[in-house]
Amino acid sequence: MDVLLFRALSLLGLAILVALAARRLRLPYTVGLVLAGAAVALTRSHAGLALTHDLIFDVVLPPLLFEAALNLSWTDLRRDLLPVIALSTIGVALCAAVVAGGLVAALGWPLESALVFGALISATDPIAVIALIKESRVTGRLSLLIEAESLFNDGAAAVLFTLILVWAAHSPGNAQDPLAAVTTFFVVAGGGIAAGFGIGMIAVMVAGTSEDHLVETALTVVAAFGSFLVAEHFGASGVLATVVAGMTMGNLGVLTPKERFGLSITPHGRAFVLEFWEFAAFLANSLVFLLIGSALATVDFAREGLLALTLAIALALLGRAAAVYPVCLAFLRSRWAIPLNQQHLMWWGGLRGAL
């Protein structure tokens, strides 16, 4: 335990040095972290702390999702809610289909495996996207579209991934019961939304009765991690739960004056909460990108098949294009029209990462 703690603190110290160096060299912070993580891996001093499923889902993801959702204004989001939902659902399905079709045609993958991988890779990673948005200082509608899509399409992709896994688990002669697919969808998506809203509302109502900024901040921590864990425990989407909990607390408790709903936290608590979650997101981002670099440095690309990896990257980019341009075209003559130059940025900004 002491050794693991020492290594974690060493990574934090390294992240601070990278942040200072990146600012001086005008290098993207996340790129610097990946390079530093790779260098640490090559020295073999990173053993005992690896990029695992539990680390990402239990430690890294909740604070990053909650911090982004906490600052996502419903007033701004509802103006572009339709294109965000379309990109997060139809776009995810189109991307998965393109990737799966390419793998079947080019590499001869079985359809079931190709669809599972297509669903797995179809969502943009909120960890990477949010980091990019903050570093690039993108603001306004474009920032809202990219960030909101990354938060919501993760839940949609999780639902799609679960449905395809259930379908693929059945033998070719046994068609899956359509009712089971619908039930799975409502449990994963609806359960996540319900858990997030319920826990977020309880937390913000309790926070509204307190004048202590430490209690108010502690309640946001409970909402962030509690919503995720409760949803995952019952087979629902922890990603959607944390996003909804963050939006609920943000719009009713942090971004809204107390006079409006009577639920808002104190002005001092509001500033403290936002600064706390900004710091928590910095820690989580730093850890995950250092470990991404560490993981990449240990991959034997020649053994894994460089051609197949290159093809998978190309298909992911092509799938992202299929997710953005056709969906945006559908809104061309409406009030939700998205300029072509912003569509290009949405395509290139559709990053994948640790998730």
Foldseek 3Di string as FASTA:
>chain_A
DVLLVVLLVVLVVVLVVLVVVCVVVVHQSLVSLLQLLLVCLVVVSNPPDFLDPCCCQQAQQLLLLLLLLLPQAPVLCVVQVVLLVLLLAVLLVLLLVLQLVLCCVPVVDPSLVSSLVSLVLSAFALLQLVSVCVRVVDDDPLNNSLNSSNLRSVLNSVLSNVLSVVQVVDDPVDGDDVVVSVVSNCLAEVVLLVLLLVLLVVLLQVLLVDQDLVSNLVSSVCSRNVSLVVSVVSNYHSSSSSSNSSNSCNHQAQVDDCVPPSRHHDPVSNVVNSVVSVVSNSSSSSVFSSNQSSVVSPDPCVVVDVVVVVSSVVSSLVSLLSSQPVSLVVCCPDPNHDDPVSSVVSSVSRHHGSD
